[in-house]
Amino acid sequence: MKNLDILASAIVRQAVDDWRRLIRLKRQTCNVTEINISFVEIRQFFNSEYCNVLLEIDPLIILEQLEKELREARENGALI
């Protein structure tokens, strides 16, 4: 795996981890190491051309899975 591939994978993985952190914390936004993250910002990232360049697959496939996880968390009362 090339260094750029490793970096791209790490960037996308961080977005996924941030999404799941928001679910786990039962919050719409949170501050992580002085950086504010939110579902809105993560959605924007996965819909961006930048994310599209990072991935060999359609980033919306990942976003669909994350949205499913969010819906399930809401159904289970994890989020308001």
PDB file of N, CA and C in Angstrom:
ATOM      1  N   MET A   1       0.851  -1.183   0.000  1.00  0.00           N
ATOM      2  CA  MET A   1       0.000   0.000   0.000  1.00  0.00           C
ATOM      3  C   MET A   1       0.892   1.240   0.000  1.00  0.00           C
ATOM      4  N   LYS A   2       0.613   2.159  -0.891  1.00  0.00           N
ATOM      5  CA  LYS A   2       1.390   3.400  -0.984  1.00  0.00           C
ATOM      6  C   LYS A   2       1.066   4.330   0.182  1.00  0.00           C
ATOM      7  N   ASN A   3       2.010   5.225   0.473  1.00  0.00           N
ATOM      8  CA  ASN A   3       1.813   6.183   1.566  1.00  0.00           C
ATOM      9  C   ASN A   3       0.550   7.014   1.380  1.00  0.00           C
ATOM     10  N   LEU A   4       0.277   7.430   0.144  1.00  0.00           N
ATOM     11  CA  LEU A   4      -0.932   8.230  -0.098  1.00  0.00           C
ATOM     12  C   LEU A   4      -2.193   7.412   0.136  1.00  0.00           C
ATOM     13  N   ASP A   5      -2.147   6.134  -0.202  1.00  0.00           N
ATOM     14  CA  ASP A   5      -3.292   5.263   0.060  1.00  0.00           C
ATOM     15  C   ASP A   5      -3.521   5.101   1.557  1.00  0.00           C
ATOM     16  N   ILE A   6      -2.437   4.976   2.291  1.00  0.00           N
ATOM     17  CA  ILE A   6      -2.535   4.851   3.748  1.00  0.00           C
ATOM     18  C   ILE A   6      -3.118   6.123   4.347  1.00  0.00           C
ATOM     19  N   LEU A   7      -2.665   7.269   3.862  1.00  0.00           N
ATOM     20  CA  LEU A   7      -3.182   8.548   4.342  1.00  0.00           C
ATOM     21  C   LEU A   7      -4.669   8.697   4.004  1.00  0.00           C
ATOM     22  N   ALA A   8      -5.039   8.380   2.781  1.00  0.00           N
ATOM     23  CA  ALA A   8      -6.445   8.476   2.370  1.00  0.00           C
ATOM     24  C   ALA A   8      -7.314   7.576   3.233  1.00  0.00           C
ATOM     25  N   SER A   9      -6.848   6.364   3.470  1.00  0.00           N
ATOM     26  CA  SER A   9      -7.589   5.431   4.306  1.00  0.00           C
ATOM     27  C   SER A   9      -7.740   5.965   5.729  1.00  0.00           C
ATOM     28  N   ALA A  10      -6.697   6.568   6.257  1.00  0.00           N
ATOM     29  CA  ALA A  10      -6.743   7.119   7.615  1.00  0.00           C
ATOM     30  C   ALA A  10      -7.725   8.289   7.713  1.00  0.00           C
ATOM     31  N   ILE A  11      -7.783   9.105   6.697  1.00  0.00           N
ATOM     32  CA  ILE A  11      -8.706  10.254   6.694  1.00  0.00           C
ATOM     33  C   ILE A  11     -10.149   9.770   6.709  1.00  0.00           C
ATOM     34  N   VAL A  12     -10.447   8.810   5.856  1.00  0.00           N
ATOM     35  CA  VAL A  12     -11.813   8.280   5.789  1.00  0.00           C
ATOM     36  C   VAL A  12     -12.145   7.538   7.079  1.00  0.00           C
ATOM     37  N   ARG A  13     -11.205   6.766   7.593  1.00  0.00           N
ATOM     38  CA  ARG A  13     -11.417   6.027   8.840  1.00  0.00           C
ATOM     39  C   ARG A  13     -11.719   7.000   9.984  1.00  0.00           C
ATOM     40  N   GLN A  14     -11.037   8.137  10.022  1.00  0.00           N
ATOM     41  CA  GLN A  14     -11.283   9.121  11.069  1.00  0.00           C
ATOM     42  C   GLN A  14     -12.702   9.666  10.986  1.00  0.00           C
ATOM     43  N   ALA A  15     -13.179   9.909   9.784  1.00  0.00           N
ATOM     44  CA  ALA A  15     -14.551  10.397   9.608  1.00  0.00           C
ATOM     45  C   ALA A  15     -15.553   9.362  10.117  1.00  0.00           C
ATOM     46  N   VAL A  16     -15.310   8.097   9.802  1.00  0.00           N
ATOM     47  CA  VAL A  16     -16.192   7.019  10.272  1.00  0.00           C
ATOM     48  C   VAL A  16     -16.140   6.936  11.798  1.00  0.00           C
ATOM     49  N   ASP A  17     -14.940   6.984  12.354  1.00  0.00           N
ATOM     50  CA  ASP A  17     -14.792   6.928  13.810  1.00  0.00           C
ATOM     51  C   ASP A  17     -15.473   8.110  14.495  1.00  0.00           C
ATOM     52  N   ASP A  18     -15.358   9.300  13.902  1.00  0.00           N
ATOM     53  CA  ASP A  18     -16.024  10.484  14.457  1.00  0.00           C
ATOM     54  C   ASP A  18     -17.536  10.314  14.438  1.00  0.00           C
ATOM     55  N   TRP A  19     -18.071   9.789  13.355  1.00  0.00           N
ATOM     56  CA  TRP A  19     -19.520   9.547  13.234  1.00  0.00           C
ATOM     57  C   TRP A  19     -19.980   8.624  14.365  1.00  0.00           C
ATOM     58  N   ARG A  20     -19.249   7.532  14.524  1.00  0.00           N
ATOM     59  CA  ARG A  20     -19.616   6.553  15.545  1.00  0.00           C
ATOM     60  C   ARG A  20     -19.420   7.114  16.955  1.00  0.00           C
ATOM     61  N   ARG A  21     -18.449   7.990  17.124  1.00  0.00           N
ATOM     62  CA  ARG A  21     -18.244   8.649  18.416  1.00  0.00           C
ATOM     63  C   ARG A  21     -19.460   9.509  18.761  1.00  0.00           C
ATOM     64  N   LEU A  22     -19.980  10.232  17.785  1.00  0.00           N
ATOM     65  CA  LEU A  22     -21.170  11.055  18.021  1.00  0.00           C
ATOM     66  C   LEU A  22     -22.346  10.188  18.453  1.00  0.00           C
ATOM     67  N   ILE A  23     -22.505   9.042  17.792  1.00  0.00           N
ATOM     68  CA  ILE A  23     -23.588   8.131  18.177  1.00  0.00           C
ATOM     69  C   ILE A  23     -23.368   7.641  19.613  1.00  0.00           C
ATOM     70  N   ARG A  24     -22.150   7.210  19.904  1.00  0.00           N
ATOM     71  CA  ARG A  24     -21.839   6.676  21.222  1.00  0.00           C
ATOM     72  C   ARG A  24     -22.062   7.724  22.321  1.00  0.00           C
ATOM     73  N   LEU A  25     -21.704   8.977  22.026  1.00  0.00           N
ATOM     74  CA  LEU A  25     -21.875  10.064  22.999  1.00  0.00           C
ATOM     75  C   LEU A  25     -23.305  10.592  23.040  1.00  0.00           C
ATOM     76  N   LYS A  26     -24.136  10.127  22.090  1.00  0.00           N
ATOM     77  CA  LYS A  26     -25.532  10.570  21.997  1.00  0.00           C
ATOM     78  C   LYS A  26     -25.621  12.075  21.789  1.00  0.00           C
ATOM     79  N   ARG A  27     -24.777  12.569  20.863  1.00  0.00           N
ATOM     80  CA  ARG A  27     -24.722  14.004  20.592  1.00  0.00           C
ATOM     81  C   ARG A  27     -24.777  14.259  19.098  1.00  0.00           C
ATOM     82  N   GLN A  28     -25.234  15.432  18.723  1.00  0.00           N
ATOM     83  CA  GLN A  28     -25.243  15.849  17.320  1.00  0.00           C
ATOM     84  C   GLN A  28     -23.909  16.469  16.921  1.00  0.00           C
ATOM     85  N   THR A  29     -23.235  17.055  17.907  1.00  0.00           N
ATOM     86  CA  THR A  29     -21.920  17.667  17.695  1.00  0.00           C
ATOM     87  C   THR A  29     -21.073  17.395  18.928  1.00  0.00           C
ATOM     88  N   CYS A  30     -19.778  17.467  18.761  1.00  0.00           N
ATOM     89  CA  CYS A  30     -18.885  17.408  19.919  1.00  0.00           C
ATOM     90  C   CYS A  30     -17.541  18.009  19.532  1.00  0.00           C
ATOM     91  N   ASN A  31     -16.779  18.326  20.544  1.00  0.00           N
ATOM     92  CA  ASN A  31     -15.468  18.939  20.350  1.00  0.00           C
ATOM     93  C   ASN A  31     -14.413  17.884  20.641  1.00  0.00           C
ATOM     94  N   VAL A  32     -13.616  17.563  19.639  1.00  0.00           N
ATOM     95  CA  VAL A  32     -12.547  16.576  19.791  1.00  0.00           C
ATOM     96  C   VAL A  32     -11.228  17.279  19.521  1.00  0.00           C
ATOM     97  N   THR A  33     -10.382  17.274  20.512  1.00  0.00           N
ATOM     98  CA  THR A  33      -9.086  17.958  20.426  1.00  0.00           C
ATOM     99  C   THR A  33      -9.208  19.334  19.771  1.00  0.00           C
ATOM    100  N   GLU A  34     -10.144  20.107  20.318  1.00  0.00           N
ATOM    101  CA  GLU A  34     -10.397  21.488  19.882  1.00  0.00           C
ATOM    102  C   GLU A  34     -10.917  21.604  18.456  1.00  0.00           C
ATOM    103  N   ILE A  35     -11.398  20.498  17.906  1.00  0.00           N
ATOM    104  CA  ILE A  35     -12.018  20.511  16.577  1.00  0.00           C
ATOM    105  C   ILE A  35     -13.462  20.082  16.749  1.00  0.00           C
ATOM    106  N   ASN A  36     -14.370  20.907  16.275  1.00  0.00           N
ATOM    107  CA  ASN A  36     -15.785  20.593  16.380  1.00  0.00           C
ATOM    108  C   ASN A  36     -16.180  19.634  15.256  1.00  0.00           C
ATOM    109  N   ILE A  37     -16.823  18.538  15.617  1.00  0.00           N
ATOM    110  CA  ILE A  37     -17.321  17.600  14.604  1.00  0.00           C
ATOM    111  C   ILE A  37     -18.833  17.495  14.736  1.00  0.00           C
ATOM    112  N   SER A  38     -19.480  17.207  13.625  1.00  0.00           N
ATOM    113  CA  SER A  38     -20.933  17.054  13.629  1.00  0.00           C
ATOM    114  C   SER A  38     -21.330  16.124  12.492  1.00  0.00           C
ATOM    115  N   PHE A  39     -22.541  15.599  12.594  1.00  0.00           N
ATOM    116  CA  PHE A  39     -23.061  14.772  11.513  1.00  0.00           C
ATOM    117  C   PHE A  39     -23.104  15.567  10.211  1.00  0.00           C
ATOM    118  N   VAL A  40     -23.476  16.826  10.305  1.00  0.00           N
ATOM    119  CA  VAL A  40     -23.569  17.673   9.112  1.00  0.00           C
ATOM    120  C   VAL A  40     -22.220  17.777   8.413  1.00  0.00           C
ATOM    121  N   GLU A  41     -21.185  18.052   9.175  1.00  0.00           N
ATOM    122  CA  GLU A  41     -19.852  18.190   8.577  1.00  0.00           C
ATOM    123  C   GLU A  41     -19.350  16.874   7.989  1.00  0.00           C
ATOM    124  N   ILE A  42     -19.632  15.772   8.666  1.00  0.00           N
ATOM    125  CA  ILE A  42     -19.191  14.470   8.150  1.00  0.00           C
ATOM    126  C   ILE A  42     -19.950  14.130   6.879  1.00  0.00           C
ATOM    127  N   ARG A  43     -21.237  14.441   6.848  1.00  0.00           N
ATOM    128  CA  ARG A  43     -22.006  14.229   5.606  1.00  0.00           C
ATOM    129  C   ARG A  43     -21.413  15.044   4.459  1.00  0.00           C
ATOM    130  N   GLN A  44     -21.083  16.299   4.750  1.00  0.00           N
ATOM    131  CA  GLN A  44     -20.474  17.153   3.722  1.00  0.00           C
ATOM    132  C   GLN A  44     -19.179  16.551   3.213  1.00  0.00           C
ATOM    133  N   PHE A  45     -18.380  16.004   4.118  1.00  0.00           N
ATOM    134  CA  PHE A  45     -17.128  15.366   3.720  1.00  0.00           C
ATOM    135  C   PHE A  45     -17.394  14.204   2.760  1.00  0.00           C
ATOM    136  N   PHE A  46     -18.315  13.308   3.118  1.00  0.00           N
ATOM    137  CA  PHE A  46     -18.573  12.149   2.264  1.00  0.00           C
ATOM    138  C   PHE A  46     -19.213  12.535   0.931  1.00  0.00           C
ATOM    139  N   ASN A  47     -19.855  13.675   0.868  1.00  0.00           N
ATOM    140  CA  ASN A  47     -20.447  14.159  -0.382  1.00  0.00           C
ATOM    141  C   ASN A  47     -19.477  15.014  -1.193  1.00  0.00           C
ATOM    142  N   SER A  48     -18.287  15.244  -0.675  1.00  0.00           N
ATOM    143  CA  SER A  48     -17.345  16.144  -1.334  1.00  0.00           C
ATOM    144  C   SER A  48     -16.544  15.455  -2.439  1.00  0.00           C
ATOM    145  N   GLU A  49     -16.056  16.270  -3.345  1.00  0.00           N
ATOM    146  CA  GLU A  49     -15.175  15.774  -4.401  1.00  0.00           C
ATOM    147  C   GLU A  49     -13.874  15.263  -3.787  1.00  0.00           C
ATOM    148  N   TYR A  50     -13.432  15.911  -2.731  1.00  0.00           N
ATOM    149  CA  TYR A  50     -12.215  15.496  -2.035  1.00  0.00           C
ATOM    150  C   TYR A  50     -12.315  14.040  -1.581  1.00  0.00           C
ATOM    151  N   CYS A  51     -13.416  13.690  -0.941  1.00  0.00           N
ATOM    152  CA  CYS A  51     -13.601  12.320  -0.472  1.00  0.00           C
ATOM    153  C   CYS A  51     -13.685  11.364  -1.657  1.00  0.00           C
ATOM    154  N   ASN A  52     -14.319  11.805  -2.705  1.00  0.00           N
ATOM    155  CA  ASN A  52     -14.434  10.987  -3.901  1.00  0.00           C
ATOM    156  C   ASN A  52     -13.058  10.656  -4.481  1.00  0.00           C
ATOM    157  N   VAL A  53     -12.134  11.619  -4.405  1.00  0.00           N
ATOM    158  CA  VAL A  53     -10.773  11.407  -4.898  1.00  0.00           C
ATOM    159  C   VAL A  53     -10.016  10.433  -3.981  1.00  0.00           C
ATOM    160  N   LEU A  54     -10.297  10.496  -2.682  1.00  0.00           N
ATOM    161  CA  LEU A  54      -9.592   9.643  -1.733  1.00  0.00           C
ATOM    162  C   LEU A  54      -9.933   8.164  -1.882  1.00  0.00           C
ATOM    163  N   LEU A  55     -11.148   7.879  -2.282  1.00  0.00           N
ATOM    164  CA  LEU A  55     -11.632   6.502  -2.299  1.00  0.00           C
ATOM    165  C   LEU A  55     -11.717   5.927  -3.701  1.00  0.00           C
ATOM    166  N   GLU A  56     -11.524   4.627  -3.778  1.00  0.00           N
ATOM    167  CA  GLU A  56     -11.703   3.933  -5.051  1.00  0.00           C
ATOM    168  C   GLU A  56     -13.152   3.524  -5.256  1.00  0.00           C
ATOM    169  N   ILE A  57     -13.941   3.603  -4.191  1.00  0.00           N
ATOM    170  CA  ILE A  57     -15.367   3.296  -4.283  1.00  0.00           C
ATOM    171  C   ILE A  57     -16.156   4.582  -4.088  1.00  0.00           C
ATOM    172  N   ASP A  58     -17.428   4.518  -4.357  1.00  0.00           N
ATOM    173  CA  ASP A  58     -18.310   5.665  -4.155  1.00  0.00           C
ATOM    174  C   ASP A  58     -18.438   5.926  -2.647  1.00  0.00           C
ATOM    175  N   PRO A  59     -18.038   7.099  -2.165  1.00  0.00           N
ATOM    176  CA  PRO A  59     -18.118   7.380  -0.730  1.00  0.00           C
ATOM    177  C   PRO A  59     -19.548   7.360  -0.200  1.00  0.00           C
ATOM    178  N   LEU A  60     -20.514   7.496  -1.086  1.00  0.00           N
ATOM    179  CA  LEU A  60     -21.905   7.473  -0.632  1.00  0.00           C
ATOM    180  C   LEU A  60     -22.314   6.087  -0.132  1.00  0.00           C
ATOM    181  N   ILE A  61     -21.588   5.061  -0.551  1.00  0.00           N
ATOM    182  CA  ILE A  61     -21.843   3.717  -0.036  1.00  0.00           C
ATOM    183  C   ILE A  61     -21.523   3.677   1.455  1.00  0.00           C
ATOM    184  N   ILE A  62     -20.419   4.288   1.828  1.00  0.00           N
ATOM    185  CA  ILE A  62     -20.044   4.353   3.245  1.00  0.00           C
ATOM    186  C   ILE A  62     -21.038   5.214   4.002  1.00  0.00           C
ATOM    187  N   LEU A  63     -21.395   6.353   3.423  1.00  0.00           N
ATOM    188  CA  LEU A  63     -22.341   7.247   4.085  1.00  0.00           C
ATOM    189  C   LEU A  63     -23.688   6.566   4.297  1.00  0.00           C
ATOM    190  N   GLU A  64     -24.141   5.793   3.330  1.00  0.00           N
ATOM    191  CA  GLU A  64     -25.410   5.063   3.490  1.00  0.00           C
ATOM    192  C   GLU A  64     -25.351   4.138   4.698  1.00  0.00           C
ATOM    193  N   GLN A  65     -24.234   3.443   4.873  1.00  0.00           N
ATOM    194  CA  GLN A  65     -24.080   2.546   6.017  1.00  0.00           C
ATOM    195  C   GLN A  65     -24.073   3.340   7.325  1.00  0.00           C
ATOM    196  N   LEU A  66     -23.389   4.466   7.334  1.00  0.00           N
ATOM    197  CA  LEU A  66     -23.355   5.292   8.536  1.00  0.00           C
ATOM    198  C   LEU A  66     -24.736   5.845   8.866  1.00  0.00           C
ATOM    199  N   GLU A  67     -25.472   6.260   7.850  1.00  0.00           N
ATOM    200  CA  GLU A  67     -26.843   6.753   8.071  1.00  0.00           C
ATOM    201  C   GLU A  67     -27.720   5.634   8.643  1.00  0.00           C
ATOM    202  N   LYS A  68     -27.515   4.417   8.175  1.00  0.00           N
ATOM    203  CA  LYS A  68     -28.265   3.271   8.698  1.00  0.00           C
ATOM    204  C   LYS A  68     -27.956   3.079  10.181  1.00  0.00           C
ATOM    205  N   GLU A  69     -26.678   3.177  10.544  1.00  0.00           N
ATOM    206  CA  GLU A  69     -26.290   3.053  11.949  1.00  0.00           C
ATOM    207  C   GLU A  69     -26.932   4.151  12.793  1.00  0.00           C
ATOM    208  N   LEU A  70     -27.013   5.351  12.251  1.00  0.00           N
ATOM    209  CA  LEU A  70     -27.631   6.464  12.969  1.00  0.00           C
ATOM    210  C   LEU A  70     -29.124   6.227  13.153  1.00  0.00           C
ATOM    211  N   ARG A  71     -29.795   5.775  12.089  1.00  0.00           N
ATOM    212  CA  ARG A  71     -31.236   5.465  12.203  1.00  0.00           C
ATOM    213  C   ARG A  71     -31.477   4.403  13.264  1.00  0.00           C
ATOM    214  N   GLU A  72     -30.665   3.363  13.263  1.00  0.00           N
ATOM    215  CA  GLU A  72     -30.820   2.291  14.251  1.00  0.00           C
ATOM    216  C   GLU A  72     -30.589   2.812  15.668  1.00  0.00           C
ATOM    217  N   ALA A  73     -29.609   3.678  15.835  1.00  0.00           N
ATOM    218  CA  ALA A  73     -29.349   4.259  17.154  1.00  0.00           C
ATOM    219  C   ALA A  73     -30.544   5.093  17.610  1.00  0.00           C
ATOM    220  N   ARG A  74     -31.124   5.842  16.692  1.00  0.00           N
ATOM    221  CA  ARG A  74     -32.300   6.647  17.040  1.00  0.00           C
ATOM    222  C   ARG A  74     -33.485   5.761  17.383  1.00  0.00           C
ATOM    223  N   GLU A  75     -33.668   4.685  16.626  1.00  0.00           N
ATOM    224  CA  GLU A  75     -34.772   3.756  16.915  1.00  0.00           C
ATOM    225  C   GLU A  75     -34.619   3.105  18.277  1.00  0.00           C
ATOM    226  N   ASN A  76     -33.376   2.909  18.686  1.00  0.00           N
ATOM    227  CA  ASN A  76     -33.094   2.290  19.982  1.00  0.00           C
ATOM    228  C   ASN A  76     -33.015   3.319  21.109  1.00  0.00           C
ATOM    229  N   GLY A  77     -33.330   4.578  20.789  1.00  0.00           N
ATOM    230  CA  GLY A  77     -33.363   5.637  21.792  1.00  0.00           C
ATOM    231  C   GLY A  77     -32.009   6.203  22.157  1.00  0.00           C
ATOM    232  N   ALA A  78     -30.995   5.915  21.345  1.00  0.00           N
ATOM    233  CA  ALA A  78     -29.650   6.402  21.665  1.00  0.00           C
ATOM    234  C   ALA A  78     -29.479   7.879  21.367  1.00  0.00           C
ATOM    235  N   LEU A  79     -30.283   8.420  20.478  1.00  0.00           N
ATOM    236  CA  LEU A  79     -30.196   9.845  20.124  1.00  0.00           C
ATOM    237  C   LEU A  79     -31.579  10.447  20.098  1.00  0.00           C
ATOM    238  N   ILE A  80     -31.616  11.745  20.341  1.00  0.00           N
ATOM    239  CA  ILE A  80     -32.886  12.445  20.240  1.00  0.00           C
ATOM    240  C   ILE A  80     -33.126  12.855  18.804  1.00  0.00           C
TER     241      ILE A  80
END
